[in-house]
């Protein structure tokens, strides 16, 4: 026969597993918030070195993405930043070292 302390330990493990699963499911949405600044910075940095029309449009998209990021509209901000990078002929992944 199990005592109360042993049975509570089993329930605590189930509760921790549920919290861990919730964190994993919620992680992709919150990761977007951290992705925006990196993409926006990269678009600004790459466009700053160029003076062509695509660089101008990329800077505009980065500025709009920064505004959306401050309004907590992270998916839209990430999309605009990625569009700006595409205008510059870049992907969203960092260049290999």
PDB file of N, CA and C in Angstrom:
ATOM      1  N   UNK A   1       0.838  -1.172   0.000  1.00  0.00           N
ATOM      2  CA  UNK A   1       0.000   0.000   0.000  1.00  0.00           C
ATOM      3  C   UNK A   1       0.894   1.250   0.000  1.00  0.00           C
ATOM      4  N   UNK A   2       0.514   2.245  -0.783  1.00  0.00           N
ATOM      5  CA  UNK A   2       1.315   3.455  -0.925  1.00  0.00           C
ATOM      6  C   UNK A   2       0.886   4.486   0.100  1.00  0.00           C
ATOM      7  N   UNK A   3       1.846   5.226   0.594  1.00  0.00           N
ATOM      8  CA  UNK A   3       1.493   6.292   1.524  1.00  0.00           C
ATOM      9  C   UNK A   3       1.199   7.581   0.740  1.00  0.00           C
ATOM     10  N   UNK A   4       0.733   8.605   1.413  1.00  0.00           N
ATOM     11  CA  UNK A   4       0.311   9.846   0.762  1.00  0.00           C
ATOM     12  C   UNK A   4       1.474  10.550   0.064  1.00  0.00           C
ATOM     13  N   UNK A   5       2.662  10.499   0.654  1.00  0.00           N
ATOM     14  CA  UNK A   5       3.813  11.182   0.060  1.00  0.00           C
ATOM     15  C   UNK A   5       4.181  10.558  -1.279  1.00  0.00           C
ATOM     16  N   UNK A   6       4.118   9.246  -1.386  1.00  0.00           N
ATOM     17  CA  UNK A   6       4.471   8.570  -2.631  1.00  0.00           C
ATOM     18  C   UNK A   6       3.462   8.881  -3.721  1.00  0.00           C
ATOM     19  N   UNK A   7       2.181   8.896  -3.404  1.00  0.00           N
ATOM     20  CA  UNK A   7       1.176   9.148  -4.436  1.00  0.00           C
ATOM     21  C   UNK A   7       1.218  10.600  -4.902  1.00  0.00           C
ATOM     22  N   UNK A   8       1.551  11.533  -4.025  1.00  0.00           N
ATOM     23  CA  UNK A   8       1.677  12.936  -4.429  1.00  0.00           C
ATOM     24  C   UNK A   8       2.863  13.146  -5.358  1.00  0.00           C
ATOM     25  N   UNK A   9       3.904  12.382  -5.157  1.00  0.00           N
ATOM     26  CA  UNK A   9       5.080  12.498  -6.009  1.00  0.00           C
ATOM     27  C   UNK A   9       4.726  12.148  -7.456  1.00  0.00           C
ATOM     28  N   UNK A  10       3.920  11.150  -7.649  1.00  0.00           N
ATOM     29  CA  UNK A  10       3.506  10.757  -8.997  1.00  0.00           C
ATOM     30  C   UNK A  10       2.667  11.834  -9.660  1.00  0.00           C
ATOM     31  N   UNK A  11       1.786  12.440  -8.917  1.00  0.00           N
ATOM     32  CA  UNK A  11       0.946  13.518  -9.464  1.00  0.00           C
ATOM     33  C   UNK A  11       1.780  14.738  -9.817  1.00  0.00           C
ATOM     34  N   UNK A  12       2.771  15.024  -8.995  1.00  0.00           N
ATOM     35  CA  UNK A  12       3.647  16.174  -9.261  1.00  0.00           C
ATOM     36  C   UNK A  12       4.388  15.971 -10.581  1.00  0.00           C
ATOM     37  N   UNK A  13       4.828  14.743 -10.849  1.00  0.00           N
ATOM     38  CA  UNK A  13       5.529  14.453 -12.108  1.00  0.00           C
ATOM     39  C   UNK A  13       4.632  14.661 -13.315  1.00  0.00           C
ATOM     40  N   UNK A  14       3.370  14.279 -13.190  1.00  0.00           N
ATOM     41  CA  UNK A  14       2.421  14.481 -14.279  1.00  0.00           C
ATOM     42  C   UNK A  14       2.192  15.977 -14.497  1.00  0.00           C
ATOM     43  N   UNK A  15       2.093  16.726 -13.401  1.00  0.00           N
ATOM     44  CA  UNK A  15       1.906  18.175 -13.505  1.00  0.00           C
ATOM     45  C   UNK A  15       3.087  18.848 -14.168  1.00  0.00           C
ATOM     46  N   UNK A  16       4.298  18.432 -13.813  1.00  0.00           N
ATOM     47  CA  UNK A  16       5.495  19.000 -14.432  1.00  0.00           C
ATOM     48  C   UNK A  16       5.556  18.675 -15.916  1.00  0.00           C
ATOM     49  N   UNK A  17       5.159  17.464 -16.270  1.00  0.00           N
ATOM     50  CA  UNK A  17       5.148  17.076 -17.687  1.00  0.00           C
ATOM     51  C   UNK A  17       4.151  17.931 -18.462  1.00  0.00           C
ATOM     52  N   UNK A  18       2.995  18.213 -17.861  1.00  0.00           N
ATOM     53  CA  UNK A  18       2.000  19.044 -18.534  1.00  0.00           C
ATOM     54  C   UNK A  18       2.527  20.468 -18.737  1.00  0.00           C
ATOM     55  N   UNK A  19       3.203  20.998 -17.738  1.00  0.00           N
ATOM     56  CA  UNK A  19       3.777  22.347 -17.854  1.00  0.00           C
ATOM     57  C   UNK A  19       4.857  22.365 -18.931  1.00  0.00           C
ATOM     58  N   UNK A  20       5.679  21.335 -18.984  1.00  0.00           N
ATOM     59  CA  UNK A  20       6.736  21.258 -19.999  1.00  0.00           C
ATOM     60  C   UNK A  20       6.143  21.193 -21.399  1.00  0.00           C
ATOM     61  N   UNK A  21       5.085  20.418 -21.577  1.00  0.00           N
ATOM     62  CA  UNK A  21       4.451  20.315 -22.896  1.00  0.00           C
ATOM     63  C   UNK A  21       3.830  21.659 -23.295  1.00  0.00           C
ATOM     64  N   UNK A  22       3.220  22.343 -22.350  1.00  0.00           N
ATOM     65  CA  UNK A  22       2.635  23.651 -22.653  1.00  0.00           C
ATOM     66  C   UNK A  22       3.719  24.632 -23.079  1.00  0.00           C
ATOM     67  N   UNK A  23       4.875  24.576 -22.440  1.00  0.00           N
ATOM     68  CA  UNK A  23       5.981  25.466 -22.798  1.00  0.00           C
ATOM     69  C   UNK A  23       6.499  25.161 -24.197  1.00  0.00           C
ATOM     70  N   UNK A  24       6.548  23.894 -24.548  1.00  0.00           N
ATOM     71  CA  UNK A  24       7.024  23.508 -25.879  1.00  0.00           C
ATOM     72  C   UNK A  24       6.049  23.971 -26.947  1.00  0.00           C
ATOM     73  N   UNK A  25       4.765  23.813 -26.684  1.00  0.00           N
ATOM     74  CA  UNK A  25       3.755  24.228 -27.654  1.00  0.00           C
ATOM     75  C   UNK A  25       3.746  25.742 -27.813  1.00  0.00           C
ATOM     76  N   UNK A  26       3.935  26.479 -26.729  1.00  0.00           N
ATOM     77  CA  UNK A  26       3.902  27.941 -26.777  1.00  0.00           C
ATOM     78  C   UNK A  26       5.201  28.535 -27.309  1.00  0.00           C
ATOM     79  N   UNK A  27       6.270  27.790 -27.332  1.00  0.00           N
ATOM     80  CA  UNK A  27       7.579  28.321 -27.707  1.00  0.00           C
ATOM     81  C   UNK A  27       7.644  28.903 -29.112  1.00  0.00           C
ATOM     82  N   UNK A  28       7.099  28.263 -30.152  1.00  0.00           N
ATOM     83  CA  UNK A  28       7.225  28.855 -31.480  1.00  0.00           C
ATOM     84  C   UNK A  28       6.642  30.253 -31.592  1.00  0.00           C
ATOM     85  N   UNK A  29       5.541  30.521 -30.938  1.00  0.00           N
ATOM     86  CA  UNK A  29       4.958  31.851 -30.989  1.00  0.00           C
ATOM     87  C   UNK A  29       5.833  32.886 -30.322  1.00  0.00           C
ATOM     88  N   UNK A  30       6.401  32.537 -29.189  1.00  0.00           N
ATOM     89  CA  UNK A  30       7.240  33.485 -28.472  1.00  0.00           C
ATOM     90  C   UNK A  30       8.604  33.622 -29.128  1.00  0.00           C
ATOM     91  N   UNK A  31       9.045  32.618 -29.844  1.00  0.00           N
ATOM     92  CA  UNK A  31      10.335  32.706 -30.527  1.00  0.00           C
ATOM     93  C   UNK A  31      10.291  33.765 -31.615  1.00  0.00           C
ATOM     94  N   UNK A  32       9.116  33.964 -32.189  1.00  0.00           N
ATOM     95  CA  UNK A  32       8.970  34.975 -33.219  1.00  0.00           C
ATOM     96  C   UNK A  32       9.323  36.356 -32.693  1.00  0.00           C
ATOM     97  N   UNK A  33       8.997  36.619 -31.439  1.00  0.00           N
ATOM     98  CA  UNK A  33       9.300  37.917 -30.851  1.00  0.00           C
ATOM     99  C   UNK A  33      10.801  38.161 -30.795  1.00  0.00           C
ATOM    100  N   UNK A  34      11.582  37.111 -30.628  1.00  0.00           N
ATOM    101  CA  UNK A  34      13.032  37.252 -30.567  1.00  0.00           C
ATOM    102  C   UNK A  34      13.651  37.229 -31.961  1.00  0.00           C
ATOM    103  N   UNK A  35      12.918  36.712 -32.921  1.00  0.00           N
ATOM    104  CA  UNK A  35      13.405  36.622 -34.295  1.00  0.00           C
ATOM    105  C   UNK A  35      13.337  37.989 -34.975  1.00  0.00           C
ATOM    106  N   UNK A  36      12.298  38.763 -34.687  1.00  0.00           N
ATOM    107  CA  UNK A  36      12.085  40.054 -35.364  1.00  0.00           C
ATOM    108  C   UNK A  36      13.298  40.975 -35.301  1.00  0.00           C
ATOM    109  N   UNK A  37      13.806  41.274 -34.107  1.00  0.00           N
ATOM    110  CA  UNK A  37      14.926  42.229 -34.053  1.00  0.00           C
ATOM    111  C   UNK A  37      16.146  41.774 -34.847  1.00  0.00           C
ATOM    112  N   UNK A  38      16.422  40.484 -34.832  1.00  0.00           N
ATOM    113  CA  UNK A  38      17.570  39.970 -35.576  1.00  0.00           C
ATOM    114  C   UNK A  38      17.377  40.190 -37.071  1.00  0.00           C
ATOM    115  N   UNK A  39      16.183  39.895 -37.578  1.00  0.00           N
ATOM    116  CA  UNK A  39      15.905  40.067 -39.000  1.00  0.00           C
ATOM    117  C   UNK A  39      15.896  41.545 -39.392  1.00  0.00           C
ATOM    118  N   UNK A  40      15.297  42.374 -38.553  1.00  0.00           N
ATOM    119  CA  UNK A  40      15.233  43.811 -38.827  1.00  0.00           C
ATOM    120  C   UNK A  40      16.641  44.407 -38.850  1.00  0.00           C
ATOM    121  N   UNK A  41      17.456  44.050 -37.864  1.00  0.00           N
ATOM    122  CA  UNK A  41      18.828  44.555 -37.801  1.00  0.00           C
ATOM    123  C   UNK A  41      19.606  44.133 -39.050  1.00  0.00           C
ATOM    124  N   UNK A  42      19.442  42.881 -39.453  1.00  0.00           N
ATOM    125  CA  UNK A  42      20.180  42.385 -40.616  1.00  0.00           C
ATOM    126  C   UNK A  42      19.759  43.132 -41.882  1.00  0.00           C
ATOM    127  N   UNK A  43      18.451  43.391 -42.023  1.00  0.00           N
ATOM    128  CA  UNK A  43      17.981  44.135 -43.200  1.00  0.00           C
ATOM    129  C   UNK A  43      18.566  45.545 -43.209  1.00  0.00           C
ATOM    130  N   UNK A  44      18.544  46.222 -42.052  1.00  0.00           N
ATOM    131  CA  UNK A  44      19.134  47.568 -41.966  1.00  0.00           C
ATOM    132  C   UNK A  44      20.633  47.531 -42.262  1.00  0.00           C
ATOM    133  N   UNK A  45      21.334  46.578 -41.689  1.00  0.00           N
ATOM    134  CA  UNK A  45      22.787  46.509 -41.858  1.00  0.00           C
ATOM    135  C   UNK A  45      23.170  46.264 -43.319  1.00  0.00           C
ATOM    136  N   UNK A  46      22.481  45.356 -43.964  1.00  0.00           N
ATOM    137  CA  UNK A  46      22.811  45.045 -45.362  1.00  0.00           C
ATOM    138  C   UNK A  46      22.385  46.172 -46.298  1.00  0.00           C
ATOM    139  N   UNK A  47      21.234  46.771 -46.041  1.00  0.00           N
ATOM    140  CA  UNK A  47      20.752  47.847 -46.911  1.00  0.00           C
ATOM    141  C   UNK A  47      21.573  49.113 -46.719  1.00  0.00           C
ATOM    142  N   UNK A  48      22.143  49.290 -45.533  1.00  0.00           N
ATOM    143  CA  UNK A  48      22.950  50.474 -45.272  1.00  0.00           C
ATOM    144  C   UNK A  48      24.203  50.552 -46.112  1.00  0.00           C
ATOM    145  N   UNK A  49      24.660  49.421 -46.605  1.00  0.00           N
ATOM    146  CA  UNK A  49      25.876  49.382 -47.421  1.00  0.00           C
ATOM    147  C   UNK A  49      25.596  49.601 -48.903  1.00  0.00           C
ATOM    148  N   UNK A  50      24.324  49.731 -49.262  1.00  0.00           N
ATOM    149  CA  UNK A  50      23.954  49.825 -50.671  1.00  0.00           C
ATOM    150  C   UNK A  50      23.118  51.080 -50.914  1.00  0.00           C
ATOM    151  N   UNK A  51      23.135  51.533 -52.162  1.00  0.00           N
ATOM    152  CA  UNK A  51      22.410  52.748 -52.505  1.00  0.00           C
ATOM    153  C   UNK A  51      21.486  52.551 -53.699  1.00  0.00           C
ATOM    154  N   UNK A  52      21.070  51.330 -53.937  1.00  0.00           N
ATOM    155  CA  UNK A  52      20.162  51.061 -55.044  1.00  0.00           C
ATOM    156  C   UNK A  52      18.711  51.113 -54.564  1.00  0.00           C
ATOM    157  N   UNK A  53      17.785  51.006 -55.498  1.00  0.00           N
ATOM    158  CA  UNK A  53      16.366  51.122 -55.179  1.00  0.00           C
ATOM    159  C   UNK A  53      15.888  49.989 -54.275  1.00  0.00           C
ATOM    160  N   UNK A  54      16.380  48.783 -54.498  1.00  0.00           N
ATOM    161  CA  UNK A  54      15.976  47.665 -53.637  1.00  0.00           C
ATOM    162  C   UNK A  54      16.414  47.886 -52.191  1.00  0.00           C
ATOM    163  N   UNK A  55      17.574  48.490 -51.994  1.00  0.00           N
ATOM    164  CA  UNK A  55      18.029  48.789 -50.633  1.00  0.00           C
ATOM    165  C   UNK A  55      17.105  49.812 -49.981  1.00  0.00           C
ATOM    166  N   UNK A  56      16.656  50.784 -50.747  1.00  0.00           N
ATOM    167  CA  UNK A  56      15.716  51.776 -50.225  1.00  0.00           C
ATOM    168  C   UNK A  56      14.418  51.104 -49.772  1.00  0.00           C
ATOM    169  N   UNK A  57      13.876  50.222 -50.618  1.00  0.00           N
ATOM    170  CA  UNK A  57      12.644  49.521 -50.260  1.00  0.00           C
ATOM    171  C   UNK A  57      12.859  48.577 -49.080  1.00  0.00           C
ATOM    172  N   UNK A  58      14.023  47.974 -49.014  1.00  0.00           N
ATOM    173  CA  UNK A  58      14.330  47.079 -47.886  1.00  0.00           C
ATOM    174  C   UNK A  58      14.375  47.860 -46.576  1.00  0.00           C
ATOM    175  N   UNK A  59      14.935  49.078 -46.620  1.00  0.00           N
ATOM    176  CA  UNK A  59      14.962  49.923 -45.415  1.00  0.00           C
ATOM    177  C   UNK A  59      13.544  50.299 -44.999  1.00  0.00           C
ATOM    178  N   UNK A  60      12.686  50.586 -45.983  1.00  0.00           N
ATOM    179  CA  UNK A  60      11.298  50.915 -45.667  1.00  0.00           C
ATOM    180  C   UNK A  60      10.588  49.722 -45.014  1.00  0.00           C
ATOM    181  N   UNK A  61      10.818  48.536 -45.550  1.00  0.00           N
ATOM    182  CA  UNK A  61      10.200  47.336 -44.973  1.00  0.00           C
ATOM    183  C   UNK A  61      10.739  47.078 -43.570  1.00  0.00           C
ATOM    184  N   UNK A  62      12.019  47.312 -43.360  1.00  0.00           N
ATOM    185  CA  UNK A  62      12.602  47.114 -42.033  1.00  0.00           C
ATOM    186  C   UNK A  62      12.016  48.109 -41.034  1.00  0.00           C
ATOM    187  N   UNK A  63      11.804  49.340 -41.474  1.00  0.00           N
ATOM    188  CA  UNK A  63      11.216  50.352 -40.588  1.00  0.00           C
ATOM    189  C   UNK A  63       9.787  49.972 -40.218  1.00  0.00           C
ATOM    190  N   UNK A  64       9.026  49.508 -41.194  1.00  0.00           N
ATOM    191  CA  UNK A  64       7.657  49.072 -40.920  1.00  0.00           C
ATOM    192  C   UNK A  64       7.655  47.840 -40.012  1.00  0.00           C
ATOM    193  N   UNK A  65       8.595  46.936 -40.234  1.00  0.00           N
ATOM    194  CA  UNK A  65       8.709  45.746 -39.383  1.00  0.00           C
ATOM    195  C   UNK A  65       9.050  46.139 -37.950  1.00  0.00           C
ATOM    196  N   UNK A  66       9.905  47.126 -37.779  1.00  0.00           N
ATOM    197  CA  UNK A  66      10.256  47.590 -36.432  1.00  0.00           C
ATOM    198  C   UNK A  66       9.037  48.186 -35.732  1.00  0.00           C
ATOM    199  N   UNK A  67       8.228  48.932 -36.478  1.00  0.00           N
ATOM    200  CA  UNK A  67       7.016  49.504 -35.907  1.00  0.00           C
ATOM    201  C   UNK A  67       6.054  48.399 -35.471  1.00  0.00           C
ATOM    202  N   UNK A  68       5.868  47.404 -36.329  1.00  0.00           N
ATOM    203  CA  UNK A  68       4.972  46.291 -35.994  1.00  0.00           C
ATOM    204  C   UNK A  68       5.499  45.507 -34.793  1.00  0.00           C
ATOM    205  N   UNK A  69       6.808  45.363 -34.706  1.00  0.00           N
ATOM    206  CA  UNK A  69       7.405  44.642 -33.577  1.00  0.00           C
ATOM    207  C   UNK A  69       7.099  45.356 -32.269  1.00  0.00           C
ATOM    208  N   UNK A  70       7.177  46.678 -32.258  1.00  0.00           N
ATOM    209  CA  UNK A  70       6.882  47.412 -31.027  1.00  0.00           C
ATOM    210  C   UNK A  70       5.406  47.318 -30.664  1.00  0.00           C
ATOM    211  N   UNK A  71       4.548  47.042 -31.650  1.00  0.00           N
ATOM    212  CA  UNK A  71       3.114  46.863 -31.398  1.00  0.00           C
ATOM    213  C   UNK A  71       2.768  45.404 -31.091  1.00  0.00           C
ATOM    214  N   UNK A  72       3.775  44.562 -30.884  1.00  0.00           N
ATOM    215  CA  UNK A  72       3.604  43.130 -30.590  1.00  0.00           C
ATOM    216  C   UNK A  72       2.922  42.362 -31.714  1.00  0.00           C
ATOM    217  N   UNK A  73       3.107  42.794 -32.927  1.00  0.00           N
ATOM    218  CA  UNK A  73       2.581  42.079 -34.097  1.00  0.00           C
ATOM    219  C   UNK A  73       3.755  41.350 -34.755  1.00  0.00           C
ATOM    220  N   UNK A  74       4.262  40.360 -34.040  1.00  0.00           N
ATOM    221  CA  UNK A  74       5.506  39.711 -34.436  1.00  0.00           C
ATOM    222  C   UNK A  74       5.432  38.920 -35.742  1.00  0.00           C
ATOM    223  N   UNK A  75       4.387  38.155 -36.007  1.00  0.00           N
ATOM    224  CA  UNK A  75       4.370  37.434 -37.290  1.00  0.00           C
ATOM    225  C   UNK A  75       4.403  38.384 -38.493  1.00  0.00           C
ATOM    226  N   UNK A  76       3.658  39.489 -38.407  1.00  0.00           N
ATOM    227  CA  UNK A  76       3.655  40.455 -39.505  1.00  0.00           C
ATOM    228  C   UNK A  76       5.015  41.133 -39.631  1.00  0.00           C
ATOM    229  N   UNK A  77       5.622  41.457 -38.498  1.00  0.00           N
ATOM    230  CA  UNK A  77       6.933  42.101 -38.512  1.00  0.00           C
ATOM    231  C   UNK A  77       7.985  41.170 -39.109  1.00  0.00           C
ATOM    232  N   UNK A  78       7.931  39.912 -38.727  1.00  0.00           N
ATOM    233  CA  UNK A  78       8.890  38.944 -39.253  1.00  0.00           C
ATOM    234  C   UNK A  78       8.724  38.790 -40.758  1.00  0.00           C
ATOM    235  N   UNK A  79       7.481  38.755 -41.226  1.00  0.00           N
ATOM    236  CA  UNK A  79       7.220  38.627 -42.658  1.00  0.00           C
ATOM    237  C   UNK A  79       7.791  39.813 -43.431  1.00  0.00           C
ATOM    238  N   UNK A  80       7.566  41.032 -42.938  1.00  0.00           N
ATOM    239  CA  UNK A  80       8.097  42.213 -43.620  1.00  0.00           C
ATOM    240  C   UNK A  80       9.621  42.236 -43.615  1.00  0.00           C
ATOM    241  N   UNK A  81      10.221  41.865 -42.510  1.00  0.00           N
ATOM    242  CA  UNK A  81      11.690  41.843 -42.448  1.00  0.00           C
ATOM    243  C   UNK A  81      12.247  40.824 -43.438  1.00  0.00           C
ATOM    244  N   UNK A  82      11.596  39.673 -43.532  1.00  0.00           N
ATOM    245  CA  UNK A  82      12.046  38.657 -44.495  1.00  0.00           C
ATOM    246  C   UNK A  82      11.881  39.158 -45.933  1.00  0.00           C
ATOM    247  N   UNK A  83      10.794  39.892 -46.207  1.00  0.00           N
ATOM    248  CA  UNK A  83      10.597  40.465 -47.543  1.00  0.00           C
ATOM    249  C   UNK A  83      11.713  41.465 -47.862  1.00  0.00           C
ATOM    250  N   UNK A  84      12.088  42.260 -46.871  1.00  0.00           N
ATOM    251  CA  UNK A  84      13.179  43.202 -47.066  1.00  0.00           C
ATOM    252  C   UNK A  84      14.491  42.503 -47.384  1.00  0.00           C
ATOM    253  N   UNK A  85      14.748  41.401 -46.680  1.00  0.00           N
ATOM    254  CA  UNK A  85      15.963  40.630 -46.953  1.00  0.00           C
ATOM    255  C   UNK A  85      15.928  40.031 -48.357  1.00  0.00           C
ATOM    256  N   UNK A  86      14.744  39.588 -48.785  1.00  0.00           N
ATOM    257  CA  UNK A  86      14.621  39.034 -50.143  1.00  0.00           C
ATOM    258  C   UNK A  86      14.913  40.098 -51.191  1.00  0.00           C
ATOM    259  N   UNK A  87      14.474  41.332 -50.933  1.00  0.00           N
ATOM    260  CA  UNK A  87      14.775  42.424 -51.874  1.00  0.00           C
ATOM    261  C   UNK A  87      16.271  42.630 -52.029  1.00  0.00           C
ATOM    262  N   UNK A  88      17.010  42.334 -50.976  1.00  0.00           N
ATOM    263  CA  UNK A  88      18.463  42.484 -51.011  1.00  0.00           C
ATOM    264  C   UNK A  88      19.161  41.236 -51.551  1.00  0.00           C
ATOM    265  N   UNK A  89      18.355  40.206 -51.888  1.00  0.00           N
ATOM    266  CA  UNK A  89      18.919  38.966 -52.401  1.00  0.00           C
ATOM    267  C   UNK A  89      19.483  38.077 -51.312  1.00  0.00           C
ATOM    268  N   UNK A  90      18.975  38.225 -50.081  1.00  0.00           N
ATOM    269  CA  UNK A  90      19.483  37.461 -48.950  1.00  0.00           C
ATOM    270  C   UNK A  90      18.400  36.539 -48.409  1.00  0.00           C
ATOM    271  N   UNK A  91      18.843  35.509 -47.726  1.00  0.00           N
ATOM    272  CA  UNK A  91      17.906  34.671 -46.982  1.00  0.00           C
ATOM    273  C   UNK A  91      17.913  35.126 -45.541  1.00  0.00           C
ATOM    274  N   UNK A  92      17.019  34.602 -44.741  1.00  0.00           N
ATOM    275  CA  UNK A  92      16.951  35.036 -43.344  1.00  0.00           C
ATOM    276  C   UNK A  92      17.962  34.341 -42.467  1.00  0.00           C
ATOM    277  N   UNK A  93      18.666  33.350 -42.977  1.00  0.00           N
ATOM    278  CA  UNK A  93      19.681  32.677 -42.157  1.00  0.00           C
ATOM    279  C   UNK A  93      20.992  33.469 -42.247  1.00  0.00           C
ATOM    280  N   UNK A  94      21.740  33.508 -41.149  1.00  0.00           N
ATOM    281  CA  UNK A  94      22.998  34.264 -41.168  1.00  0.00           C
ATOM    282  C   UNK A  94      24.012  33.633 -42.111  1.00  0.00           C
ATOM    283  N   UNK A  95      24.898  34.445 -42.603  1.00  0.00           N
ATOM    284  CA  UNK A  95      25.941  33.947 -43.497  1.00  0.00           C
ATOM    285  C   UNK A  95      26.886  33.011 -42.751  1.00  0.00           C
ATOM    286  N   UNK A  96      27.369  31.953 -43.411  1.00  0.00           N
ATOM    287  CA  UNK A  96      28.310  31.046 -42.745  1.00  0.00           C
ATOM    288  C   UNK A  96      29.613  31.753 -42.412  1.00  0.00           C
ATOM    289  N   UNK A  97      30.220  31.338 -41.321  1.00  0.00           N
ATOM    290  CA  UNK A  97      31.483  31.975 -40.894  1.00  0.00           C
ATOM    291  C   UNK A  97      32.673  31.293 -41.470  1.00  0.00           C
TER     292      UNK A  97
END
